[in-house]
Amino acid sequence: VANYAYKNLGNGTFEDVTTQWTSNEKTFSNGAAYGD
């Protein structure tokens, strides 16, 4: 399945924005890191 991305709405809830923020590619993913 695609990896998930959630936008923090600032009210304690999150919106699933996987299709808007990512390529929505199906992968077998494990480690991940962020950086500019």
All heavy atoms as atom14 arrays in JSON, in Angstrom:
{
  "sequence": "VANYAYKNLGNGTFEDVTTQWTSNEKTFSNGAAYGD",
  "atom14_mask": [
    [1, 1, 1, 1, 1, 1, 1, 0, 0, 0, 0, 0, 0, 0],
    [1, 1, 1, 1, 1, 0, 0, 0, 0, 0, 0, 0, 0, 0],
    [1, 1, 1, 1, 1, 1, 1, 1, 0, 0, 0, 0, 0, 0],
    [1, 1, 1, 1, 1, 1, 1, 1, 1, 1, 1, 1, 0, 0],
    [1, 1, 1, 1, 1, 0, 0, 0, 0, 0, 0, 0, 0, 0],
    [1, 1, 1, 1, 1, 1, 1, 1, 1, 1, 1, 1, 0, 0],
    [1, 1, 1, 1, 1, 1, 1, 1, 1, 0, 0, 0, 0, 0],
    [1, 1, 1, 1, 1, 1, 1, 1, 0, 0, 0, 0, 0, 0],
    [1, 1, 1, 1, 1, 1, 1, 1, 0, 0, 0, 0, 0, 0],
    [1, 1, 1, 1, 0, 0, 0, 0, 0, 0, 0, 0, 0, 0],
    [1, 1, 1, 1, 1, 1, 1, 1, 0, 0, 0, 0, 0, 0],
    [1, 1, 1, 1, 0, 0, 0, 0, 0, 0, 0, 0, 0, 0],
    [1, 1, 1, 1, 1, 1, 1, 0, 0, 0, 0, 0, 0, 0],
    [1, 1, 1, 1, 1, 1, 1, 1, 1, 1, 1, 0, 0, 0],
    [1, 1, 1, 1, 1, 1, 1, 1, 1, 0, 0, 0, 0, 0],
    [1, 1, 1, 1, 1, 1, 1, 1, 0, 0, 0, 0, 0, 0],
    [1, 1, 1, 1, 1, 1, 1, 0, 0, 0, 0, 0, 0, 0],
    [1, 1, 1, 1, 1, 1, 1, 0, 0, 0, 0, 0, 0, 0],
    [1, 1, 1, 1, 1, 1, 1, 0, 0, 0, 0, 0, 0, 0],
    [1, 1, 1, 1, 1, 1, 1, 1, 1, 0, 0, 0, 0, 0],
    [1, 1, 1, 1, 1, 1, 1, 1, 1, 1, 1, 1, 1, 1],
    [1, 1, 1, 1, 1, 1, 1, 0, 0, 0, 0, 0, 0, 0],
    [1, 1, 1, 1, 1, 1, 0, 0, 0, 0, 0, 0, 0, 0],
    [1, 1, 1, 1, 1, 1, 1, 1, 0, 0, 0, 0, 0, 0],
    [1, 1, 1, 1, 1, 1, 1, 1, 1, 0, 0, 0, 0, 0],
    [1, 1, 1, 1, 1, 1, 1, 1, 1, 0, 0, 0, 0, 0],
    [1, 1, 1, 1, 1, 1, 1, 0, 0, 0, 0, 0, 0, 0],
    [1, 1, 1, 1, 1, 1, 1, 1, 1, 1, 1, 0, 0, 0],
    [1, 1, 1, 1, 1, 1, 0, 0, 0, 0, 0, 0, 0, 0],
    [1, 1, 1, 1, 1, 1, 1, 1, 0, 0, 0, 0, 0, 0],
    [1, 1, 1, 1, 0, 0, 0, 0, 0, 0, 0, 0, 0, 0],
    [1, 1, 1, 1, 1, 0, 0, 0, 0, 0, 0, 0, 0, 0],
    [1, 1, 1, 1, 1, 0, 0, 0, 0, 0, 0, 0, 0, 0],
    [1, 1, 1, 1, 1, 1, 1, 1, 1, 1, 1, 1, 0, 0],
    [1, 1, 1, 1, 0, 0, 0, 0, 0, 0, 0, 0, 0, 0],
    [1, 1, 1, 1, 1, 1, 1, 1, 0, 0, 0, 0, 0, 0]
  ],
  "atom14_positions": [
    [[0.85, -1.19, 0.0], [0.0, 0.0, 0.0], [0.88, 1.24, 0.0], [2.08, 1.18, 0.26], [-0.94, 0.02, 1.22], [-1.94, -1.12, 1.16], [-0.14, -0.06, 2.52], [0.0, 0.0, 0.0], [0.0, 0.0, 0.0], [0.0, 0.0, 0.0], [0.0, 0.0, 0.0], [0.0, 0.0, 0.0], [0.0, 0.0, 0.0], [0.0, 0.0, 0.0]],
    [[0.26, 2.36, -0.28], [0.99, 3.64, -0.25], [1.28, 4.03, 1.19], [0.54, 3.68, 2.12], [0.16, 4.72, -0.92], [0.0, 0.0, 0.0], [0.0, 0.0, 0.0], [0.0, 0.0, 0.0], [0.0, 0.0, 0.0], [0.0, 0.0, 0.0], [0.0, 0.0, 0.0], [0.0, 0.0, 0.0], [0.0, 0.0, 0.0], [0.0, 0.0, 0.0]],
    [[2.38, 4.74, 1.39], [2.68, 5.31, 2.7], [1.7, 6.45, 2.99], [1.25, 7.14, 2.08], [4.12, 5.82, 2.74], [5.12, 4.71, 2.52], [4.87, 3.56, 2.87], [6.25, 5.04, 1.91], [0.0, 0.0, 0.0], [0.0, 0.0, 0.0], [0.0, 0.0, 0.0], [0.0, 0.0, 0.0], [0.0, 0.0, 0.0], [0.0, 0.0, 0.0]],
    [[1.39, 6.64, 4.25], [0.38, 7.61, 4.64], [0.99, 8.97, 4.96], [2.08, 9.06, 5.53], [-0.38, 7.13, 5.89], [-1.44, 6.08, 5.63], [-1.09, 4.78, 5.3], [-2.8, 6.39, 5.71], [-2.06, 3.81, 5.08], [-3.78, 5.44, 5.49], [-3.41, 4.14, 5.18], [-4.37, 3.19, 4.96], [0.0, 0.0, 0.0], [0.0, 0.0, 0.0]],
    [[0.25, 10.02, 4.63], [0.58, 11.38, 5.05], [-0.65, 12.0, 5.67], [-1.76, 11.91, 5.11], [1.07, 12.22, 3.87], [0.0, 0.0, 0.0], [0.0, 0.0, 0.0], [0.0, 0.0, 0.0], [0.0, 0.0, 0.0], [0.0, 0.0, 0.0], [0.0, 0.0, 0.0], [0.0, 0.0, 0.0], [0.0, 0.0, 0.0], [0.0, 0.0, 0.0]],
    [[-0.49, 12.6, 6.85], [-1.6, 13.23, 7.57], [-1.27, 14.7, 7.85], [-0.21, 15.01, 8.37], [-1.86, 12.53, 8.9], [-2.49, 11.17, 8.8], [-1.72, 10.02, 8.93], [-3.86, 11.02, 8.58], [-2.29, 8.76, 8.85], [-4.45, 9.77, 8.5], [-3.66, 8.64, 8.63], [-4.23, 7.4, 8.55], [0.0, 0.0, 0.0], [0.0, 0.0, 0.0]],
    [[-2.21, 15.57, 7.53], [-2.08, 16.99, 7.85], [-2.71, 17.26, 9.21], [-3.84, 16.85, 9.49], [-2.78, 17.84, 6.8], [-2.83, 19.34, 7.13], [-3.53, 20.13, 6.04], [-3.76, 21.58, 6.49], [-2.49, 22.29, 6.77], [0.0, 0.0, 0.0], [0.0, 0.0, 0.0], [0.0, 0.0, 0.0], [0.0, 0.0, 0.0], [0.0, 0.0, 0.0]],
    [[-1.95, 17.93, 10.05], [-2.43, 18.33, 11.37], [-3.38, 19.52, 11.2], [-2.97, 20.59, 10.73], [-1.24, 18.7, 12.26], [-1.63, 18.91, 13.71], [-2.77, 19.21, 14.03], [-0.64, 18.77, 14.59], [0.0, 0.0, 0.0], [0.0, 0.0, 0.0], [0.0, 0.0, 0.0], [0.0, 0.0, 0.0], [0.0, 0.0, 0.0], [0.0, 0.0, 0.0]],
    [[-4.64, 19.34, 11.58], [-5.63, 20.41, 11.43], [-5.61, 21.4, 12.59], [-6.36, 22.38, 12.58], [-7.02, 19.8, 11.27], [-7.21, 18.88, 10.06], [-8.64, 18.34, 10.02], [-6.86, 19.6, 8.76], [0.0, 0.0, 0.0], [0.0, 0.0, 0.0], [0.0, 0.0, 0.0], [0.0, 0.0, 0.0], [0.0, 0.0, 0.0], [0.0, 0.0, 0.0]],
    [[-4.78, 21.13, 13.6], [-4.63, 22.06, 14.7], [-5.72, 21.98, 15.74], [-5.75, 22.78, 16.69], [0.0, 0.0, 0.0], [0.0, 0.0, 0.0], [0.0, 0.0, 0.0], [0.0, 0.0, 0.0], [0.0, 0.0, 0.0], [0.0, 0.0, 0.0], [0.0, 0.0, 0.0], [0.0, 0.0, 0.0], [0.0, 0.0, 0.0], [0.0, 0.0, 0.0]],
    [[-6.62, 21.01, 15.61], [-7.73, 20.88, 16.56], [-7.77, 19.49, 17.18], [-8.82, 19.04, 17.67], [-9.06, 21.18, 15.87], [-9.34, 20.23, 14.7], [-8.54, 19.32, 14.43], [-10.44, 20.43, 14.0], [0.0, 0.0, 0.0], [0.0, 0.0, 0.0], [0.0, 0.0, 0.0], [0.0, 0.0, 0.0], [0.0, 0.0, 0.0], [0.0, 0.0, 0.0]],
    [[-6.63, 18.78, 17.15], [-6.57, 17.43, 17.7], [-6.86, 16.34, 16.69], [-6.8, 15.16, 17.04], [0.0, 0.0, 0.0], [0.0, 0.0, 0.0], [0.0, 0.0, 0.0], [0.0, 0.0, 0.0], [0.0, 0.0, 0.0], [0.0, 0.0, 0.0], [0.0, 0.0, 0.0], [0.0, 0.0, 0.0], [0.0, 0.0, 0.0], [0.0, 0.0, 0.0]],
    [[-7.2, 16.72, 15.46], [-7.49, 15.72, 14.43], [-6.55, 15.9, 13.24], [-5.93, 16.97, 13.06], [-8.94, 15.81, 13.95], [-9.14, 17.07, 13.28], [-9.91, 15.69, 15.11], [0.0, 0.0, 0.0], [0.0, 0.0, 0.0], [0.0, 0.0, 0.0], [0.0, 0.0, 0.0], [0.0, 0.0, 0.0], [0.0, 0.0, 0.0], [0.0, 0.0, 0.0]],
    [[-6.5, 14.85, 12.4], [-5.63, 14.85, 11.23], [-6.43, 14.48, 9.99], [-7.34, 13.65, 10.05], [-4.48, 13.85, 11.43], [-3.52, 14.25, 12.51], [-3.81, 14.02, 13.84], [-2.32, 14.87, 12.2], [-2.94, 14.39, 14.85], [-1.43, 15.25, 13.19], [-1.75, 15.01, 14.53], [0.0, 0.0, 0.0], [0.0, 0.0, 0.0], [0.0, 0.0, 0.0]],
    [[-6.05, 15.08, 8.87], [-6.67, 14.78, 7.58], [-5.72, 13.91, 6.75], [-4.54, 14.23, 6.63], [-6.97, 16.07, 6.82], [-7.56, 15.85, 5.43], [-7.67, 17.13, 4.64], [-7.33, 18.21, 5.18], [-8.09, 17.07, 3.46], [0.0, 0.0, 0.0], [0.0, 0.0, 0.0], [0.0, 0.0, 0.0], [0.0, 0.0, 0.0], [0.0, 0.0, 0.0]],
    [[-6.24, 12.82, 6.21], [-5.45, 11.95, 5.34], [-5.22, 12.68, 4.0], [-6.14, 12.87, 3.22], [-6.18, 10.63, 5.11], [-5.35, 9.63, 4.31], [-4.32, 10.04, 3.72], [-5.73, 8.45, 4.26], [0.0, 0.0, 0.0], [0.0, 0.0, 0.0], [0.0, 0.0, 0.0], [0.0, 0.0, 0.0], [0.0, 0.0, 0.0], [0.0, 0.0, 0.0]],
    [[-3.97, 13.1, 3.77], [-3.63, 13.84, 2.55], [-2.63, 13.04, 1.7], [-1.84, 13.62, 0.96], [-3.07, 15.24, 2.89], [-4.15, 16.13, 3.46], [-1.89, 15.12, 3.87], [0.0, 0.0, 0.0], [0.0, 0.0, 0.0], [0.0, 0.0, 0.0], [0.0, 0.0, 0.0], [0.0, 0.0, 0.0], [0.0, 0.0, 0.0], [0.0, 0.0, 0.0]],
    [[-2.68, 11.72, 1.82], [-1.73, 10.87, 1.11], [-1.74, 11.15, -0.38], [-0.68, 11.31, -1.01], [-2.06, 9.38, 1.37], [-2.02, 9.14, 2.78], [-1.07, 8.48, 0.67], [0.0, 0.0, 0.0], [0.0, 0.0, 0.0], [0.0, 0.0, 0.0], [0.0, 0.0, 0.0], [0.0, 0.0, 0.0], [0.0, 0.0, 0.0], [0.0, 0.0, 0.0]],
    [[-2.92, 11.2, -0.99], [-2.99, 11.4, -2.44], [-2.59, 12.8, -2.85], [-2.08, 13.02, -3.95], [-4.42, 11.1, -2.94], [-5.35, 11.93, -2.22], [-4.77, 9.64, -2.71], [0.0, 0.0, 0.0], [0.0, 0.0, 0.0], [0.0, 0.0, 0.0], [0.0, 0.0, 0.0], [0.0, 0.0, 0.0], [0.0, 0.0, 0.0], [0.0, 0.0, 0.0]],
    [[-2.79, 13.8, -1.98], [-2.43, 15.18, -2.32], [-0.94, 15.45, -2.11], [-0.32, 16.21, -2.85], [-3.23, 16.17, -1.48], [-4.74, 16.1, -1.68], [-5.42, 15.28, -0.61], [-5.14, 14.09, -0.48], [-6.31, 15.91, 0.16], [0.0, 0.0, 0.0], [0.0, 0.0, 0.0], [0.0, 0.0, 0.0], [0.0, 0.0, 0.0], [0.0, 0.0, 0.0]],
    [[-0.33, 14.83, -1.09], [1.03, 15.17, -0.71], [2.08, 14.23, -1.29], [3.26, 14.58, -1.35], [1.17, 15.16, 0.83], [0.59, 16.38, 1.47], [-0.22, 17.32, 0.91], [0.78, 16.79, 2.83], [-0.55, 18.28, 1.83], [0.06, 17.99, 3.01], [1.49, 16.26, 3.9], [0.02, 18.67, 4.23], [1.45, 16.93, 5.13], [0.73, 18.13, 5.29]],
    [[1.7, 13.0, -1.64], [2.7, 12.02, -2.08], [2.35, 11.5, -3.47], [1.3, 11.82, -4.04], [2.79, 10.83, -1.11], [1.66, 9.98, -1.31], [2.8, 11.29, 0.34], [0.0, 0.0, 0.0], [0.0, 0.0, 0.0], [0.0, 0.0, 0.0], [0.0, 0.0, 0.0], [0.0, 0.0, 0.0], [0.0, 0.0, 0.0], [0.0, 0.0, 0.0]],
    [[3.23, 10.66, -4.0], [2.98, 10.06, -5.31], [1.95, 8.95, -5.22], [1.49, 8.44, -6.24], [4.29, 9.47, -5.86], [4.77, 8.44, -5.01], [0.0, 0.0, 0.0], [0.0, 0.0, 0.0], [0.0, 0.0, 0.0], [0.0, 0.0, 0.0], [0.0, 0.0, 0.0], [0.0, 0.0, 0.0], [0.0, 0.0, 0.0], [0.0, 0.0, 0.0]],
    [[1.58, 8.55, -3.99], [0.59, 7.49, -3.75], [1.06, 6.15, -4.33], [0.25, 5.26, -4.61], [-0.77, 7.87, -4.35], [-1.92, 7.21, -3.62], [-1.82, 6.96, -2.42], [-2.99, 6.9, -4.32], [0.0, 0.0, 0.0], [0.0, 0.0, 0.0], [0.0, 0.0, 0.0], [0.0, 0.0, 0.0], [0.0, 0.0, 0.0], [0.0, 0.0, 0.0]],
    [[2.37, 5.99, -4.48], [2.93, 4.76, -5.03], [2.88, 3.65, -3.98], [3.18, 3.87, -2.81], [4.38, 4.99, -5.46], [5.06, 3.75, -6.01], [6.54, 3.99, -6.3], [7.04, 5.08, -5.94], [7.18, 3.11, -6.87], [0.0, 0.0, 0.0], [0.0, 0.0, 0.0], [0.0, 0.0, 0.0], [0.0, 0.0, 0.0], [0.0, 0.0, 0.0]],
    [[2.51, 2.46, -4.4], [2.47, 1.32, -3.49], [3.87, 0.73, -3.34], [4.51, 0.4, -4.34], [1.49, 0.26, -3.99], [0.04, 0.73, -3.99], [-0.89, -0.37, -4.45], [-2.35, 0.09, -4.38], [-3.28, -0.98, -4.81], [0.0, 0.0, 0.0], [0.0, 0.0, 0.0], [0.0, 0.0, 0.0], [0.0, 0.0, 0.0], [0.0, 0.0, 0.0]],
    [[4.33, 0.61, -2.11], [5.69, 0.12, -1.84], [5.69, -0.73, -0.57], [4.72, -0.73, 0.19], [6.67, 1.29, -1.63], [6.16, 2.14, -0.58], [6.85, 2.1, -2.9], [0.0, 0.0, 0.0], [0.0, 0.0, 0.0], [0.0, 0.0, 0.0], [0.0, 0.0, 0.0], [0.0, 0.0, 0.0], [0.0, 0.0, 0.0], [0.0, 0.0, 0.0]],
    [[6.78, -1.44, -0.37], [7.06, -2.08, 0.9], [8.13, -1.22, 1.59], [9.32, -1.38, 1.33], [7.56, -3.51, 0.71], [6.64, -4.37, -0.12], [6.98, -4.71, -1.42], [5.44, -4.83, 0.39], [6.15, -5.5, -2.19], [4.6, -5.63, -0.37], [4.96, -5.96, -1.67], [0.0, 0.0, 0.0], [0.0, 0.0, 0.0], [0.0, 0.0, 0.0]],
    [[7.71, -0.3, 2.41], [8.62, 0.69, 2.98], [8.85, 0.41, 4.46], [7.98, -0.11, 5.15], [8.06, 2.11, 2.81], [7.82, 2.4, 1.45], [0.0, 0.0, 0.0], [0.0, 0.0, 0.0], [0.0, 0.0, 0.0], [0.0, 0.0, 0.0], [0.0, 0.0, 0.0], [0.0, 0.0, 0.0], [0.0, 0.0, 0.0], [0.0, 0.0, 0.0]],
    [[10.05, 0.77, 4.95], [10.32, 0.59, 6.39], [10.94, 1.86, 6.97], [10.25, 2.68, 7.53], [11.19, -0.65, 6.63], [12.19, -0.9, 5.52], [13.03, -0.04, 5.26], [12.12, -2.07, 4.89], [0.0, 0.0, 0.0], [0.0, 0.0, 0.0], [0.0, 0.0, 0.0], [0.0, 0.0, 0.0], [0.0, 0.0, 0.0], [0.0, 0.0, 0.0]],
    [[12.26, 2.04, 6.89], [12.89, 3.22, 7.46], [12.54, 4.49, 6.7], [12.31, 4.47, 5.49], [0.0, 0.0, 0.0], [0.0, 0.0, 0.0], [0.0, 0.0, 0.0], [0.0, 0.0, 0.0], [0.0, 0.0, 0.0], [0.0, 0.0, 0.0], [0.0, 0.0, 0.0], [0.0, 0.0, 0.0], [0.0, 0.0, 0.0], [0.0, 0.0, 0.0]],
    [[12.49, 5.62, 7.42], [12.21, 6.92, 6.8], [12.87, 8.03, 7.61], [13.03, 7.9, 8.82], [10.71, 7.16, 6.69], [0.0, 0.0, 0.0], [0.0, 0.0, 0.0], [0.0, 0.0, 0.0], [0.0, 0.0, 0.0], [0.0, 0.0, 0.0], [0.0, 0.0, 0.0], [0.0, 0.0, 0.0], [0.0, 0.0, 0.0], [0.0, 0.0, 0.0]],
    [[13.25, 9.09, 6.93], [13.87, 10.24, 7.59], [13.48, 11.51, 6.85], [13.19, 11.48, 5.65], [15.39, 10.1, 7.63], [0.0, 0.0, 0.0], [0.0, 0.0, 0.0], [0.0, 0.0, 0.0], [0.0, 0.0, 0.0], [0.0, 0.0, 0.0], [0.0, 0.0, 0.0], [0.0, 0.0, 0.0], [0.0, 0.0, 0.0], [0.0, 0.0, 0.0]],
    [[13.48, 12.64, 7.57], [13.19, 13.92, 6.93], [14.39, 14.85, 7.04], [15.25, 14.69, 7.9], [11.95, 14.58, 7.53], [11.99, 14.8, 9.02], [12.78, 15.8, 9.6], [11.22, 14.04, 9.88], [12.81, 16.02, 10.96], [11.23, 14.24, 11.25], [12.03, 15.23, 11.79], [12.06, 15.44, 13.14], [0.0, 0.0, 0.0], [0.0, 0.0, 0.0]],
    [[14.45, 15.82, 6.15], [15.49, 16.84, 6.16], [15.28, 17.77, 4.98], [14.71, 17.37, 3.96], [0.0, 0.0, 0.0], [0.0, 0.0, 0.0], [0.0, 0.0, 0.0], [0.0, 0.0, 0.0], [0.0, 0.0, 0.0], [0.0, 0.0, 0.0], [0.0, 0.0, 0.0], [0.0, 0.0, 0.0], [0.0, 0.0, 0.0], [0.0, 0.0, 0.0]],
    [[15.73, 18.99, 5.1], [15.63, 19.95, 4.0], [16.79, 19.7, 3.04], [17.85, 20.33, 3.13], [15.64, 21.38, 4.54], [15.32, 22.4, 3.46], [15.15, 22.0, 2.28], [15.27, 23.6, 3.78], [0.0, 0.0, 0.0], [0.0, 0.0, 0.0], [0.0, 0.0, 0.0], [0.0, 0.0, 0.0], [0.0, 0.0, 0.0], [0.0, 0.0, 0.0]]
  ]
}
